[in-house]
Amino acid sequence: MSKTNSTTPELAWEHAVHDIPEAGLSARREAVPEELATLASALDLIACSTLQAEYTITPTLDGRYRVSGRLNAQIAQACVVTLDPIEATIEESFDVAFWPQQDMPTPESGAVDLDDEAEPEPIVAGQIAVGRVVFEHLAAALDPYPRKPGAVMDWQPAAAPGAGPGKPESPFAVLASLKTKS
C-alpha cells in the first residue's frame, strides 16, 4: 500500500475519524461514471463498468481503526495476444489497519516478509482513505497478462539470408550477416 498520500485521484472515498461512532460504521459505495472512467485510465483497462465496495470501519485502540470489506467490479482488459476485449468480474476482500501518523512504525529494512501482517496505513488529516484501499486492492487483483481462451501467439522469426529450408539458423549466422552488410 502507498504511504505517500491519503487519497488517490481515482477514488476520493474518505471518512473523517470524528464521524465514526464507537460502535463502528458500515458503508456501501458505488463509483460514479467519472470515477469509473478515471479508474479505467489509471489501470490501463478498456473499461471499468461497475465498482461497488461494502465495508465496515471499526475503532480499535488508541485512535486506531480497522477497515474490512469487499469490492466487486466489472472490467474489460485487452488480450495480450489478440488485443480483443476480455470481460472479467473482480471480487476481492480487504482488511486494513489505520493508525494515527505519529504511531506509524518505522520501517526496519528494505526486506519484506510475506508472512508478516501488513503494515498499517496512516490516518492523514483525520481522514481514513477507504478509496485508496479499494483502488489498490482492485489494481492488485487484475490479471497482469489477460489472454482470451484459445488465443495463441503464432509468431515465427524471419529466416536470415543463407538459411535454407530445414536448416536451423545460428545466432552467429545472424551476426555474420549483419557484419557483411556494414
N, C-alpha and C. Protein backbone atom coordinates (compact mmCIF):
# COMPACT_ATOMS: atom_id res chain seq x y z
N MET A 1 0.83 -1.18 0.00
CA MET A 1 0.00 0.00 0.00
C MET A 1 0.88 1.25 0.00
N SER A 2 0.40 2.26 -0.64
CA SER A 2 1.14 3.50 -0.73
C SER A 2 0.98 4.32 0.54
N LYS A 3 2.08 4.84 1.01
CA LYS A 3 2.04 5.63 2.24
C LYS A 3 2.23 7.12 1.97
N THR A 4 2.34 7.52 0.70
CA THR A 4 2.71 8.88 0.41
C THR A 4 1.57 9.89 0.49
N ASN A 5 0.37 9.51 0.09
CA ASN A 5 -0.72 10.46 0.19
C ASN A 5 -1.96 9.76 0.70
N SER A 6 -2.93 10.55 1.14
CA SER A 6 -4.09 9.94 1.77
C SER A 6 -5.13 9.45 0.78
N THR A 7 -5.19 10.03 -0.39
CA THR A 7 -6.21 9.61 -1.36
C THR A 7 -5.57 9.34 -2.70
N THR A 8 -6.32 8.68 -3.52
CA THR A 8 -5.92 8.54 -4.92
C THR A 8 -6.84 9.48 -5.69
N PRO A 9 -6.39 10.01 -6.77
CA PRO A 9 -7.29 10.86 -7.56
C PRO A 9 -8.42 10.04 -8.15
N GLU A 10 -8.25 8.71 -8.22
CA GLU A 10 -9.25 7.84 -8.81
C GLU A 10 -10.48 7.69 -7.92
N LEU A 11 -10.28 7.51 -6.62
CA LEU A 11 -11.39 7.30 -5.69
C LEU A 11 -11.14 8.10 -4.40
N ALA A 12 -11.73 9.23 -4.29
CA ALA A 12 -11.56 10.05 -3.09
C ALA A 12 -12.66 9.71 -2.09
N TRP A 13 -12.71 8.45 -1.68
CA TRP A 13 -13.69 7.99 -0.70
C TRP A 13 -13.02 8.01 0.66
N GLU A 14 -13.36 8.99 1.47
CA GLU A 14 -12.74 9.14 2.79
C GLU A 14 -13.81 9.26 3.86
N HIS A 15 -13.40 8.94 5.08
CA HIS A 15 -14.26 9.12 6.25
C HIS A 15 -13.46 9.85 7.32
N ALA A 16 -14.03 10.90 7.88
CA ALA A 16 -13.38 11.61 8.98
C ALA A 16 -13.51 10.76 10.24
N VAL A 17 -12.41 10.62 10.97
CA VAL A 17 -12.44 9.77 12.16
C VAL A 17 -13.44 10.29 13.19
N HIS A 18 -13.64 11.61 13.25
CA HIS A 18 -14.58 12.15 14.24
C HIS A 18 -16.04 11.83 13.90
N ASP A 19 -16.30 11.34 12.67
CA ASP A 19 -17.66 10.95 12.27
C ASP A 19 -17.95 9.46 12.49
N ILE A 20 -16.94 8.72 12.93
CA ILE A 20 -17.12 7.27 13.11
C ILE A 20 -17.56 7.00 14.54
N PRO A 21 -18.76 6.44 14.72
CA PRO A 21 -19.25 6.17 16.08
C PRO A 21 -18.44 5.06 16.77
N GLU A 22 -18.53 5.01 18.07
CA GLU A 22 -17.82 4.00 18.85
C GLU A 22 -18.17 2.58 18.41
N ALA A 23 -19.39 2.37 18.00
CA ALA A 23 -19.84 1.04 17.57
C ALA A 23 -19.36 0.71 16.16
N GLY A 24 -18.77 1.67 15.47
CA GLY A 24 -18.29 1.45 14.11
C GLY A 24 -19.24 2.02 13.07
N LEU A 25 -18.85 1.90 11.83
CA LEU A 25 -19.61 2.46 10.73
C LEU A 25 -19.61 1.46 9.57
N SER A 26 -20.78 1.18 9.03
CA SER A 26 -20.88 0.33 7.85
C SER A 26 -21.29 1.21 6.68
N ALA A 27 -20.69 0.95 5.53
CA ALA A 27 -20.99 1.79 4.36
C ALA A 27 -20.96 0.95 3.10
N ARG A 28 -21.63 1.47 2.09
CA ARG A 28 -21.62 0.89 0.75
C ARG A 28 -21.40 2.04 -0.22
N ARG A 29 -20.40 1.90 -1.08
CA ARG A 29 -20.10 2.94 -2.06
C ARG A 29 -20.15 2.35 -3.45
N GLU A 30 -20.56 3.17 -4.39
CA GLU A 30 -20.57 2.77 -5.80
C GLU A 30 -19.93 3.89 -6.61
N ALA A 31 -18.98 3.52 -7.45
CA ALA A 31 -18.29 4.52 -8.27
C ALA A 31 -19.24 5.12 -9.29
N VAL A 32 -19.14 6.43 -9.46
CA VAL A 32 -19.94 7.16 -10.45
C VAL A 32 -19.21 7.10 -11.79
N PRO A 33 -19.89 7.41 -12.90
CA PRO A 33 -19.27 7.29 -14.23
C PRO A 33 -17.90 7.98 -14.36
N GLU A 34 -17.75 9.15 -13.77
CA GLU A 34 -16.45 9.85 -13.88
C GLU A 34 -15.36 9.06 -13.16
N GLU A 35 -15.67 8.49 -12.01
CA GLU A 35 -14.70 7.68 -11.28
C GLU A 35 -14.36 6.42 -12.06
N LEU A 36 -15.36 5.79 -12.68
CA LEU A 36 -15.13 4.58 -13.47
C LEU A 36 -14.20 4.87 -14.65
N ALA A 37 -14.41 5.99 -15.32
CA ALA A 37 -13.55 6.36 -16.45
C ALA A 37 -12.12 6.64 -15.98
N THR A 38 -11.98 7.30 -14.85
CA THR A 38 -10.65 7.58 -14.31
C THR A 38 -9.95 6.30 -13.88
N LEU A 39 -10.70 5.37 -13.26
CA LEU A 39 -10.14 4.08 -12.87
C LEU A 39 -9.65 3.31 -14.10
N ALA A 40 -10.47 3.26 -15.14
CA ALA A 40 -10.10 2.54 -16.37
C ALA A 40 -8.80 3.11 -16.94
N SER A 41 -8.70 4.41 -16.98
CA SER A 41 -7.49 5.06 -17.50
C SER A 41 -6.28 4.77 -16.61
N ALA A 42 -6.43 4.91 -15.31
CA ALA A 42 -5.31 4.71 -14.38
C ALA A 42 -4.82 3.27 -14.38
N LEU A 43 -5.72 2.31 -14.60
CA LEU A 43 -5.36 0.90 -14.55
C LEU A 43 -5.15 0.29 -15.93
N ASP A 44 -5.16 1.12 -16.97
CA ASP A 44 -4.96 0.68 -18.35
C ASP A 44 -5.97 -0.40 -18.75
N LEU A 45 -7.24 -0.14 -18.43
CA LEU A 45 -8.32 -1.04 -18.78
C LEU A 45 -9.05 -0.51 -20.00
N ILE A 46 -9.70 -1.39 -20.74
CA ILE A 46 -10.58 -0.94 -21.81
C ILE A 46 -11.77 -0.24 -21.17
N ALA A 47 -12.30 -0.84 -20.09
CA ALA A 47 -13.44 -0.24 -19.38
C ALA A 47 -13.52 -0.79 -17.96
N CYS A 48 -14.08 0.02 -17.11
CA CYS A 48 -14.48 -0.41 -15.77
C CYS A 48 -15.95 0.02 -15.70
N SER A 49 -16.86 -0.95 -15.88
CA SER A 49 -18.27 -0.58 -15.99
C SER A 49 -18.96 -0.45 -14.64
N THR A 50 -18.50 -1.18 -13.62
CA THR A 50 -19.07 -1.02 -12.28
C THR A 50 -17.98 -1.25 -11.23
N LEU A 51 -18.15 -0.60 -10.11
CA LEU A 51 -17.30 -0.84 -8.94
C LEU A 51 -18.13 -0.50 -7.71
N GLN A 52 -18.32 -1.50 -6.86
CA GLN A 52 -19.00 -1.30 -5.59
C GLN A 52 -18.10 -1.82 -4.49
N ALA A 53 -18.23 -1.19 -3.33
CA ALA A 53 -17.49 -1.66 -2.15
C ALA A 53 -18.42 -1.58 -0.95
N GLU A 54 -18.43 -2.64 -0.16
CA GLU A 54 -19.14 -2.66 1.12
C GLU A 54 -18.07 -2.87 2.17
N TYR A 55 -18.11 -2.04 3.23
CA TYR A 55 -17.07 -2.14 4.23
C TYR A 55 -17.55 -1.65 5.58
N THR A 56 -16.76 -2.01 6.59
CA THR A 56 -17.03 -1.58 7.95
C THR A 56 -15.76 -0.94 8.50
N ILE A 57 -15.91 0.18 9.16
CA ILE A 57 -14.78 0.83 9.85
C ILE A 57 -15.05 0.68 11.34
N THR A 58 -14.12 0.02 12.04
CA THR A 58 -14.29 -0.25 13.45
C THR A 58 -13.16 0.37 14.25
N PRO A 59 -13.49 1.18 15.27
CA PRO A 59 -12.43 1.70 16.14
C PRO A 59 -11.82 0.54 16.93
N THR A 60 -10.50 0.56 17.10
CA THR A 60 -9.84 -0.45 17.92
C THR A 60 -9.30 0.24 19.18
N LEU A 61 -8.00 0.36 19.32
CA LEU A 61 -7.41 1.02 20.49
C LEU A 61 -6.63 2.26 20.11
N ASP A 62 -6.53 3.19 21.02
CA ASP A 62 -5.63 4.35 20.88
C ASP A 62 -5.78 5.10 19.56
N GLY A 63 -7.00 5.36 19.12
CA GLY A 63 -7.21 6.12 17.90
C GLY A 63 -6.93 5.34 16.63
N ARG A 64 -6.89 4.03 16.73
CA ARG A 64 -6.65 3.18 15.56
C ARG A 64 -7.98 2.60 15.08
N TYR A 65 -7.99 2.23 13.80
CA TYR A 65 -9.22 1.73 13.18
C TYR A 65 -8.90 0.54 12.28
N ARG A 66 -9.90 -0.30 12.07
CA ARG A 66 -9.78 -1.42 11.15
C ARG A 66 -10.86 -1.23 10.09
N VAL A 67 -10.45 -1.33 8.83
CA VAL A 67 -11.37 -1.24 7.69
C VAL A 67 -11.39 -2.61 7.03
N SER A 68 -12.57 -3.23 7.02
CA SER A 68 -12.68 -4.54 6.36
C SER A 68 -13.91 -4.54 5.48
N GLY A 69 -13.77 -5.21 4.35
CA GLY A 69 -14.90 -5.24 3.43
C GLY A 69 -14.60 -6.04 2.19
N ARG A 70 -15.41 -5.75 1.17
CA ARG A 70 -15.32 -6.50 -0.09
C ARG A 70 -15.63 -5.54 -1.23
N LEU A 71 -14.90 -5.72 -2.33
CA LEU A 71 -15.18 -4.93 -3.54
C LEU A 71 -15.62 -5.87 -4.64
N ASN A 72 -16.40 -5.33 -5.56
CA ASN A 72 -16.88 -6.06 -6.71
C ASN A 72 -16.81 -5.12 -7.90
N ALA A 73 -16.14 -5.56 -8.97
CA ALA A 73 -16.00 -4.70 -10.16
C ALA A 73 -16.20 -5.51 -11.42
N GLN A 74 -16.75 -4.87 -12.44
CA GLN A 74 -16.87 -5.44 -13.78
C GLN A 74 -15.90 -4.65 -14.65
N ILE A 75 -14.94 -5.36 -15.24
CA ILE A 75 -13.92 -4.69 -16.03
C ILE A 75 -13.75 -5.35 -17.39
N ALA A 76 -13.07 -4.68 -18.30
CA ALA A 76 -12.67 -5.25 -19.59
C ALA A 76 -11.21 -4.88 -19.81
N GLN A 77 -10.40 -5.92 -20.07
CA GLN A 77 -8.98 -5.74 -20.36
C GLN A 77 -8.70 -6.20 -21.78
N ALA A 78 -7.59 -5.76 -22.35
CA ALA A 78 -7.19 -6.19 -23.69
C ALA A 78 -6.39 -7.48 -23.58
N CYS A 79 -6.73 -8.44 -24.43
CA CYS A 79 -5.99 -9.70 -24.51
C CYS A 79 -4.55 -9.38 -24.95
N VAL A 80 -3.57 -9.99 -24.29
CA VAL A 80 -2.17 -9.70 -24.62
C VAL A 80 -1.77 -10.28 -25.98
N VAL A 81 -2.57 -11.18 -26.54
CA VAL A 81 -2.25 -11.78 -27.83
C VAL A 81 -3.03 -11.10 -28.95
N THR A 82 -4.36 -11.00 -28.79
CA THR A 82 -5.21 -10.51 -29.88
C THR A 82 -5.65 -9.06 -29.72
N LEU A 83 -5.51 -8.50 -28.54
CA LEU A 83 -5.99 -7.17 -28.16
C LEU A 83 -7.52 -7.09 -28.12
N ASP A 84 -8.20 -8.23 -28.24
CA ASP A 84 -9.65 -8.26 -28.10
C ASP A 84 -10.02 -8.01 -26.64
N PRO A 85 -11.19 -7.42 -26.40
CA PRO A 85 -11.62 -7.19 -25.01
C PRO A 85 -11.92 -8.51 -24.30
N ILE A 86 -11.50 -8.58 -23.05
CA ILE A 86 -11.81 -9.71 -22.20
C ILE A 86 -12.51 -9.15 -20.97
N GLU A 87 -13.76 -9.56 -20.79
CA GLU A 87 -14.51 -9.07 -19.64
C GLU A 87 -14.27 -9.97 -18.45
N ALA A 88 -14.23 -9.36 -17.27
CA ALA A 88 -13.97 -10.12 -16.04
C ALA A 88 -14.71 -9.48 -14.88
N THR A 89 -15.00 -10.30 -13.89
CA THR A 89 -15.57 -9.83 -12.63
C THR A 89 -14.48 -9.98 -11.58
N ILE A 90 -14.22 -8.91 -10.88
CA ILE A 90 -13.22 -8.92 -9.81
C ILE A 90 -13.98 -8.86 -8.49
N GLU A 91 -13.73 -9.83 -7.64
CA GLU A 91 -14.28 -9.83 -6.28
C GLU A 91 -13.11 -10.01 -5.34
N GLU A 92 -12.93 -9.07 -4.44
CA GLU A 92 -11.76 -9.08 -3.59
C GLU A 92 -12.13 -8.59 -2.19
N SER A 93 -11.62 -9.27 -1.19
CA SER A 93 -11.81 -8.83 0.20
C SER A 93 -10.62 -8.00 0.63
N PHE A 94 -10.84 -7.14 1.61
CA PHE A 94 -9.74 -6.36 2.17
C PHE A 94 -9.94 -6.20 3.67
N ASP A 95 -8.83 -6.06 4.36
CA ASP A 95 -8.82 -5.88 5.81
C ASP A 95 -7.54 -5.12 6.15
N VAL A 96 -7.69 -3.85 6.48
CA VAL A 96 -6.55 -2.96 6.64
C VAL A 96 -6.67 -2.19 7.95
N ALA A 97 -5.54 -2.06 8.65
CA ALA A 97 -5.50 -1.26 9.87
C ALA A 97 -5.07 0.16 9.52
N PHE A 98 -5.68 1.13 10.17
CA PHE A 98 -5.29 2.54 10.03
C PHE A 98 -4.87 3.05 11.39
N TRP A 99 -3.70 3.68 11.44
CA TRP A 99 -3.16 4.22 12.68
C TRP A 99 -2.89 5.71 12.52
N PRO A 100 -2.94 6.45 13.64
CA PRO A 100 -2.52 7.86 13.58
C PRO A 100 -1.07 7.94 13.07
N GLN A 101 -0.76 8.99 12.33
CA GLN A 101 0.57 9.13 11.74
C GLN A 101 1.69 9.02 12.78
N GLN A 102 1.49 9.60 13.96
CA GLN A 102 2.55 9.57 14.97
C GLN A 102 2.80 8.16 15.52
N ASP A 103 1.86 7.24 15.34
CA ASP A 103 2.02 5.86 15.82
C ASP A 103 2.57 4.91 14.77
N MET A 104 2.76 5.40 13.55
CA MET A 104 3.21 4.53 12.46
C MET A 104 4.60 3.97 12.77
N PRO A 105 4.79 2.66 12.56
CA PRO A 105 6.10 2.07 12.82
C PRO A 105 7.11 2.54 11.78
N THR A 106 8.36 2.64 12.20
CA THR A 106 9.42 2.99 11.27
C THR A 106 9.86 1.72 10.56
N PRO A 107 10.04 1.80 9.25
CA PRO A 107 10.48 0.61 8.52
C PRO A 107 11.83 0.14 9.05
N GLU A 108 11.93 -1.17 9.28
CA GLU A 108 13.16 -1.73 9.82
C GLU A 108 14.24 -1.91 8.75
N SER A 109 13.83 -2.35 7.58
CA SER A 109 14.79 -2.56 6.50
C SER A 109 14.03 -2.59 5.19
N GLY A 110 14.74 -2.82 4.12
CA GLY A 110 14.09 -2.91 2.82
C GLY A 110 13.49 -4.28 2.56
N ALA A 111 13.81 -5.24 3.42
CA ALA A 111 13.32 -6.61 3.22
C ALA A 111 11.85 -6.71 3.62
N VAL A 112 11.10 -7.47 2.86
CA VAL A 112 9.69 -7.67 3.13
C VAL A 112 9.46 -9.15 3.45
N ASP A 113 8.83 -9.41 4.58
CA ASP A 113 8.50 -10.78 4.95
C ASP A 113 7.02 -10.98 4.61
N LEU A 114 6.75 -11.84 3.64
CA LEU A 114 5.38 -12.03 3.17
C LEU A 114 4.49 -12.69 4.20
N ASP A 115 5.08 -13.32 5.21
CA ASP A 115 4.29 -13.96 6.26
C ASP A 115 3.85 -12.97 7.34
N ASP A 116 4.50 -11.82 7.38
CA ASP A 116 4.15 -10.81 8.38
C ASP A 116 2.80 -10.18 8.06
N GLU A 117 2.18 -9.65 9.09
CA GLU A 117 0.93 -8.92 8.89
C GLU A 117 1.25 -7.63 8.14
N ALA A 118 0.33 -7.20 7.29
CA ALA A 118 0.53 -5.98 6.51
C ALA A 118 0.73 -4.79 7.43
N GLU A 119 1.57 -3.88 7.00
CA GLU A 119 1.80 -2.66 7.77
C GLU A 119 0.52 -1.83 7.80
N PRO A 120 0.32 -1.10 8.88
CA PRO A 120 -0.87 -0.25 8.94
C PRO A 120 -0.75 0.93 7.98
N GLU A 121 -1.89 1.48 7.64
CA GLU A 121 -1.97 2.68 6.81
C GLU A 121 -2.09 3.89 7.72
N PRO A 122 -1.58 5.04 7.32
CA PRO A 122 -1.68 6.23 8.17
C PRO A 122 -3.05 6.92 8.04
N ILE A 123 -3.49 7.47 9.14
CA ILE A 123 -4.65 8.36 9.13
C ILE A 123 -4.08 9.74 8.86
N VAL A 124 -4.42 10.33 7.72
CA VAL A 124 -3.85 11.61 7.31
C VAL A 124 -4.92 12.68 7.42
N ALA A 125 -4.59 13.74 8.15
CA ALA A 125 -5.50 14.88 8.33
C ALA A 125 -6.85 14.44 8.88
N GLY A 126 -6.84 13.42 9.75
CA GLY A 126 -8.07 12.96 10.38
C GLY A 126 -8.99 12.18 9.46
N GLN A 127 -8.45 11.71 8.32
CA GLN A 127 -9.27 11.01 7.32
C GLN A 127 -8.78 9.58 7.11
N ILE A 128 -9.73 8.66 7.01
CA ILE A 128 -9.43 7.27 6.65
C ILE A 128 -9.73 7.13 5.16
N ALA A 129 -8.70 6.83 4.39
CA ALA A 129 -8.79 6.80 2.92
C ALA A 129 -9.23 5.43 2.42
N VAL A 130 -10.52 5.18 2.49
CA VAL A 130 -11.06 3.89 2.03
C VAL A 130 -10.90 3.76 0.51
N GLY A 131 -11.04 4.85 -0.22
CA GLY A 131 -10.91 4.81 -1.68
C GLY A 131 -9.54 4.31 -2.12
N ARG A 132 -8.50 4.70 -1.41
CA ARG A 132 -7.15 4.24 -1.73
C ARG A 132 -7.04 2.73 -1.53
N VAL A 133 -7.62 2.24 -0.43
CA VAL A 133 -7.60 0.79 -0.16
C VAL A 133 -8.32 0.03 -1.26
N VAL A 134 -9.49 0.51 -1.65
CA VAL A 134 -10.28 -0.14 -2.70
C VAL A 134 -9.51 -0.12 -4.02
N PHE A 135 -8.95 1.03 -4.37
CA PHE A 135 -8.19 1.17 -5.62
C PHE A 135 -7.01 0.20 -5.65
N GLU A 136 -6.24 0.16 -4.58
CA GLU A 136 -5.05 -0.68 -4.55
C GLU A 136 -5.38 -2.17 -4.57
N HIS A 137 -6.46 -2.56 -3.91
CA HIS A 137 -6.86 -3.97 -3.94
C HIS A 137 -7.40 -4.35 -5.33
N LEU A 138 -8.12 -3.46 -5.97
CA LEU A 138 -8.58 -3.71 -7.33
C LEU A 138 -7.38 -3.85 -8.26
N ALA A 139 -6.44 -2.93 -8.18
CA ALA A 139 -5.25 -2.98 -9.04
C ALA A 139 -4.47 -4.28 -8.84
N ALA A 140 -4.33 -4.71 -7.59
CA ALA A 140 -3.59 -5.94 -7.30
C ALA A 140 -4.31 -7.19 -7.79
N ALA A 141 -5.63 -7.13 -7.92
CA ALA A 141 -6.42 -8.30 -8.33
C ALA A 141 -6.50 -8.47 -9.85
N LEU A 142 -6.07 -7.47 -10.62
CA LEU A 142 -6.16 -7.56 -12.08
C LEU A 142 -5.19 -8.61 -12.62
N ASP A 143 -5.60 -9.28 -13.67
CA ASP A 143 -4.73 -10.23 -14.36
C ASP A 143 -3.68 -9.42 -15.12
N PRO A 144 -2.40 -9.60 -14.80
CA PRO A 144 -1.38 -8.80 -15.49
C PRO A 144 -1.21 -9.17 -16.96
N TYR A 145 -1.60 -10.41 -17.35
CA TYR A 145 -1.48 -10.86 -18.73
C TYR A 145 -2.78 -11.54 -19.16
N PRO A 146 -3.84 -10.77 -19.34
CA PRO A 146 -5.10 -11.39 -19.72
C PRO A 146 -5.01 -12.01 -21.11
N ARG A 147 -5.52 -13.23 -21.23
CA ARG A 147 -5.45 -13.93 -22.51
C ARG A 147 -6.81 -14.53 -22.82
N LYS A 148 -7.29 -14.24 -24.01
CA LYS A 148 -8.56 -14.78 -24.49
C LYS A 148 -8.42 -16.29 -24.61
N PRO A 149 -9.42 -17.06 -24.19
CA PRO A 149 -9.33 -18.52 -24.31
C PRO A 149 -9.04 -18.92 -25.75
N GLY A 150 -8.06 -19.78 -25.92
CA GLY A 150 -7.69 -20.26 -27.25
C GLY A 150 -6.74 -19.37 -28.02
N ALA A 151 -6.45 -18.18 -27.52
CA ALA A 151 -5.54 -17.27 -28.23
C ALA A 151 -4.11 -17.78 -28.10
N VAL A 152 -3.44 -17.89 -29.25
CA VAL A 152 -2.05 -18.34 -29.26
C VAL A 152 -1.20 -17.37 -30.05
N MET A 153 0.02 -17.24 -29.64
CA MET A 153 0.98 -16.40 -30.35
C MET A 153 1.57 -17.25 -31.46
N ASP A 154 1.30 -16.89 -32.72
CA ASP A 154 1.77 -17.68 -33.85
C ASP A 154 2.82 -16.87 -34.60
N TRP A 155 3.86 -16.52 -33.92
CA TRP A 155 4.92 -15.70 -34.49
C TRP A 155 6.12 -16.56 -34.82
N GLN A 156 6.67 -16.39 -35.98
CA GLN A 156 7.87 -17.11 -36.39
C GLN A 156 8.92 -16.08 -36.78
N PRO A 157 10.16 -16.28 -36.35
CA PRO A 157 11.20 -15.33 -36.75
C PRO A 157 11.48 -15.44 -38.25
N ALA A 158 11.84 -14.33 -38.85
CA ALA A 158 12.17 -14.34 -40.28
C ALA A 158 13.49 -15.08 -40.47
N ALA A 159 13.59 -15.79 -41.56
CA ALA A 159 14.81 -16.54 -41.86
C ALA A 159 15.91 -15.58 -42.28
N ALA A 160 17.11 -15.84 -41.81
CA ALA A 160 18.25 -15.00 -42.16
C ALA A 160 18.75 -15.38 -43.54
N PRO A 161 19.43 -14.46 -44.18
CA PRO A 161 19.99 -14.77 -45.50
C PRO A 161 20.93 -15.98 -45.39
N GLY A 162 20.81 -16.90 -46.34
CA GLY A 162 21.68 -18.07 -46.35
C GLY A 162 21.13 -19.24 -45.56
N ALA A 163 20.07 -19.03 -44.82
CA ALA A 163 19.48 -20.13 -44.06
C ALA A 163 18.50 -20.83 -44.96
N GLY A 164 18.80 -22.06 -45.30
CA GLY A 164 17.95 -22.82 -46.21
C GLY A 164 16.81 -23.47 -45.48
N PRO A 165 15.88 -24.08 -46.23
CA PRO A 165 14.75 -24.76 -45.59
C PRO A 165 15.24 -25.93 -44.76
N GLY A 166 14.73 -26.03 -43.56
CA GLY A 166 15.07 -27.12 -42.66
C GLY A 166 16.42 -26.93 -41.98
N LYS A 167 17.13 -25.87 -42.32
CA LYS A 167 18.45 -25.63 -41.75
C LYS A 167 18.29 -24.66 -40.57
N PRO A 168 18.58 -25.10 -39.34
CA PRO A 168 18.43 -24.20 -38.21
C PRO A 168 19.40 -23.03 -38.32
N GLU A 169 18.92 -21.89 -37.93
CA GLU A 169 19.72 -20.68 -38.02
C GLU A 169 20.51 -20.49 -36.73
N SER A 170 21.75 -20.23 -36.86
CA SER A 170 22.60 -20.00 -35.71
C SER A 170 22.61 -18.51 -35.39
N PRO A 171 22.69 -18.16 -34.12
CA PRO A 171 22.78 -16.73 -33.78
C PRO A 171 24.02 -16.10 -34.39
N PHE A 172 25.07 -16.90 -34.56
CA PHE A 172 26.30 -16.36 -35.13
C PHE A 172 26.12 -16.05 -36.61
N ALA A 173 25.27 -16.81 -37.29
CA ALA A 173 24.99 -16.55 -38.70
C ALA A 173 24.30 -15.21 -38.85
N VAL A 174 23.41 -14.90 -37.94
CA VAL A 174 22.71 -13.61 -37.98
C VAL A 174 23.71 -12.49 -37.78
N LEU A 175 24.61 -12.65 -36.81
CA LEU A 175 25.62 -11.62 -36.57
C LEU A 175 26.55 -11.47 -37.77
N ALA A 176 26.92 -12.60 -38.38
CA ALA A 176 27.79 -12.54 -39.55
C ALA A 176 27.12 -11.82 -40.69
N SER A 177 25.83 -12.04 -40.88
CA SER A 177 25.13 -11.37 -41.97
C SER A 177 25.04 -9.87 -41.71
N LEU A 178 24.92 -9.48 -40.46
CA LEU A 178 24.89 -8.05 -40.13
C LEU A 178 26.26 -7.42 -40.39
N LYS A 179 27.33 -8.18 -40.09
CA LYS A 179 28.67 -7.66 -40.27
C LYS A 179 28.98 -7.46 -41.74
N THR A 180 28.55 -8.37 -42.59
CA THR A 180 28.82 -8.26 -44.03
C THR A 180 28.05 -7.12 -44.67
N LYS A 181 26.93 -6.72 -44.06
CA LYS A 181 26.12 -5.61 -44.61
C LYS A 181 26.76 -4.27 -44.33
N SER A 182 27.59 -4.16 -43.28
CA SER A 182 28.13 -2.85 -42.94
C SER A 182 29.44 -2.56 -43.60
